[in-house]
Amino acid sequence: MKFWLALLALGFLGACRPPLAAAAAQLSPSAAAAGAIVLQADDARRAAFAGADPKPLETYFGGRSLMNLRLQIGSLALRGLRRVEILEARRLVHQGGLPGQPELVLEIRAREQTGEGWSTVLRQWRARLGRQGDRWLVLDDCDLPPVAWWSKS
């Protein structure tokens, strides 16, 4: 009798657990969703630096990334500067990471103005996503040094 009760209890517990696919979806967003988040975060970052206003960042960034970007924008604003970047091209060159911490790298080619002059920049920006509340946000990011760049054919 105890065996049947235990088996019945296990059946009920199994019915309460989400399906494996649903659990995996909570661990990481789909590749397409992660890519969309990072592209939107890149646009928000560009807008925040151009306007010297960190407000656009709050929808896409959290944790250490949000704090660091606010400090960078504040530092420029204190000196009366903005960083305007006109995007010429960007492409996803890497997508990986760990479950619950997807990592994407964008290669960005742009014209940039800080102060009076314009320069052309080519950089790779790494963004690591994490779940904050019910949303996926960029929680850690950096421009990679050229020796750490990803190449994609």
Protein backbone atom coordinates (compact mmCIF):
# COMPACT_ATOMS: atom_id res chain seq x y z
CA MET A 1 0.00 0.00 0.00
CA LYS A 2 2.82 2.42 0.87
CA PHE A 3 4.41 1.71 -2.49
CA TRP A 4 1.23 2.75 -4.34
CA LEU A 5 0.86 5.92 -2.23
CA ALA A 6 4.47 6.86 -2.95
CA LEU A 7 3.99 6.21 -6.65
CA LEU A 8 0.79 8.28 -6.66
CA ALA A 9 2.56 11.14 -4.84
CA LEU A 10 5.39 11.10 -7.39
CA GLY A 11 2.82 11.27 -10.18
CA PHE A 12 1.22 14.36 -8.63
CA LEU A 13 4.61 16.00 -8.12
CA GLY A 14 5.54 15.30 -11.72
CA ALA A 15 2.29 16.88 -12.90
CA CYS A 16 3.09 20.07 -10.98
CA ARG A 17 6.48 20.60 -12.63
CA PRO A 18 6.62 22.66 -15.83
CA PRO A 19 7.50 20.80 -19.01
CA LEU A 20 11.21 20.66 -19.81
CA ALA A 21 10.88 23.07 -22.74
CA ALA A 22 9.13 25.67 -20.57
CA ALA A 23 11.83 25.35 -17.90
CA ALA A 24 14.55 25.81 -20.51
CA ALA A 25 12.80 28.92 -21.85
CA GLN A 26 12.97 30.43 -18.39
CA LEU A 27 16.71 29.70 -18.21
CA SER A 28 17.56 31.57 -21.42
CA PRO A 29 15.67 33.54 -24.03
CA SER A 30 15.57 32.16 -27.56
CA ALA A 31 18.47 33.11 -29.81
CA ALA A 32 16.19 35.49 -31.74
CA ALA A 33 14.86 37.12 -28.56
CA ALA A 34 18.37 37.52 -27.11
CA GLY A 35 19.56 39.08 -30.38
CA ALA A 36 16.64 41.52 -30.38
CA ILE A 37 17.34 42.54 -26.77
CA VAL A 38 21.01 43.21 -27.52
CA LEU A 39 20.24 45.23 -30.67
CA GLN A 40 17.71 47.34 -28.76
CA ALA A 41 20.16 47.76 -25.88
CA ASP A 42 22.83 48.94 -28.32
CA ASP A 43 20.39 51.52 -29.74
CA ALA A 44 19.45 52.67 -26.23
CA ARG A 45 23.12 52.99 -25.28
CA ARG A 46 23.79 55.10 -28.35
CA ALA A 47 20.77 57.35 -27.59
CA ALA A 48 21.75 57.76 -23.93
CA PHE A 49 25.29 58.91 -24.79
CA ALA A 50 24.09 61.24 -27.55
CA GLY A 51 21.51 62.88 -25.29
CA ALA A 52 23.66 62.79 -22.13
CA ASP A 53 20.61 61.17 -20.48
CA PRO A 54 20.70 57.67 -18.95
CA LYS A 55 16.89 57.29 -19.08
CA PRO A 56 16.83 55.22 -22.34
CA LEU A 57 19.06 52.63 -20.65
CA GLU A 58 16.58 51.60 -17.97
CA THR A 59 14.49 49.40 -20.28
CA TYR A 60 17.44 47.28 -21.46
CA PHE A 61 20.18 47.47 -18.81
CA GLY A 62 20.42 46.49 -15.18
CA GLY A 63 22.94 45.72 -12.46
CA ARG A 64 26.58 46.61 -13.03
CA SER A 65 26.02 47.63 -16.66
CA LEU A 66 23.41 50.22 -15.81
CA MET A 67 25.51 51.64 -12.98
CA ASN A 68 28.68 51.87 -15.13
CA LEU A 69 26.87 53.48 -18.06
CA ARG A 70 25.23 56.06 -15.79
CA LEU A 71 28.67 56.93 -14.41
CA GLN A 72 30.17 57.28 -17.90
CA ILE A 73 27.31 59.48 -19.12
CA GLY A 74 27.48 61.58 -15.95
CA SER A 75 31.22 62.05 -16.35
CA LEU A 76 30.79 63.29 -19.92
CA ALA A 77 27.88 65.54 -18.93
CA LEU A 78 29.94 67.15 -16.15
CA ARG A 79 32.49 68.17 -18.78
CA GLY A 80 29.74 69.41 -21.11
CA LEU A 81 30.34 66.58 -23.57
CA ARG A 82 28.16 64.09 -25.39
CA ARG A 83 29.20 61.12 -27.45
CA VAL A 84 27.35 61.00 -30.74
CA GLU A 85 27.68 57.80 -32.72
CA ILE A 86 26.24 57.38 -36.20
CA LEU A 87 25.85 53.70 -36.92
CA GLU A 88 27.15 52.56 -40.29
CA ALA A 89 26.93 48.78 -39.83
CA ARG A 90 26.61 46.16 -37.15
CA ARG A 91 26.43 42.41 -37.10
CA LEU A 92 26.20 39.64 -34.56
CA VAL A 93 29.55 37.83 -34.47
CA HIS A 94 29.06 35.56 -31.45
CA GLN A 95 26.22 34.06 -29.49
CA GLY A 96 26.85 31.69 -26.61
CA GLY A 97 27.25 31.86 -22.87
CA LEU A 98 25.85 29.70 -20.11
CA PRO A 99 22.25 28.75 -19.35
CA GLY A 100 20.71 31.77 -17.67
CA GLN A 101 23.59 33.99 -18.85
CA PRO A 102 23.49 34.25 -22.64
CA GLU A 103 26.35 36.24 -24.14
CA LEU A 104 26.29 38.02 -27.48
CA VAL A 105 28.92 40.06 -29.29
CA LEU A 106 28.08 42.75 -31.83
CA GLU A 107 30.62 44.15 -34.23
CA ILE A 108 29.87 47.82 -34.71
CA ARG A 109 31.22 50.20 -37.33
CA ALA A 110 30.26 53.82 -36.76
CA ARG A 111 31.30 57.43 -36.96
CA GLU A 112 31.75 58.94 -33.52
CA GLN A 113 31.96 62.47 -32.23
CA THR A 114 33.07 63.43 -28.76
CA GLY A 115 33.78 67.11 -28.62
CA GLU A 116 34.54 68.72 -31.99
CA GLY A 117 36.07 66.02 -34.19
CA TRP A 118 34.68 62.94 -35.88
CA SER A 119 36.38 59.57 -36.03
CA THR A 120 35.55 56.18 -37.49
CA VAL A 121 35.33 53.37 -34.97
CA LEU A 122 35.23 49.63 -35.37
CA ARG A 123 34.56 47.80 -32.14
CA GLN A 124 33.11 44.62 -30.73
CA TRP A 125 30.67 45.03 -27.88
CA ARG A 126 30.02 42.05 -25.60
CA ALA A 127 26.71 41.94 -23.74
CA ARG A 128 25.83 39.30 -21.15
CA LEU A 129 22.14 38.99 -20.40
CA GLY A 130 20.56 38.01 -17.13
CA ARG A 131 17.09 37.81 -15.73
CA GLN A 132 16.10 40.70 -13.48
CA GLY A 133 12.56 40.31 -12.24
CA ASP A 134 10.50 39.14 -15.19
CA ARG A 135 12.74 40.66 -17.89
CA TRP A 136 15.99 39.81 -19.63
CA LEU A 137 18.43 42.73 -19.38
CA VAL A 138 22.07 43.43 -20.20
CA LEU A 139 23.71 43.00 -16.80
CA ASP A 140 27.35 43.00 -17.90
CA ASP A 141 28.90 44.55 -21.00
CA CYS A 142 32.18 45.84 -22.37
CA ASP A 143 34.00 46.73 -25.56
CA LEU A 144 36.38 43.87 -26.28
CA PRO A 145 40.06 44.57 -26.94
CA PRO A 146 41.03 43.61 -30.52
CA VAL A 147 42.99 40.54 -29.32
CA ALA A 148 39.70 39.11 -27.94
CA TRP A 149 37.61 39.81 -31.06
CA TRP A 150 35.38 37.18 -32.56
CA SER A 151 35.44 36.60 -36.29
CA LYS A 152 32.42 35.46 -38.26
CA SER A 153 32.50 34.53 -41.90
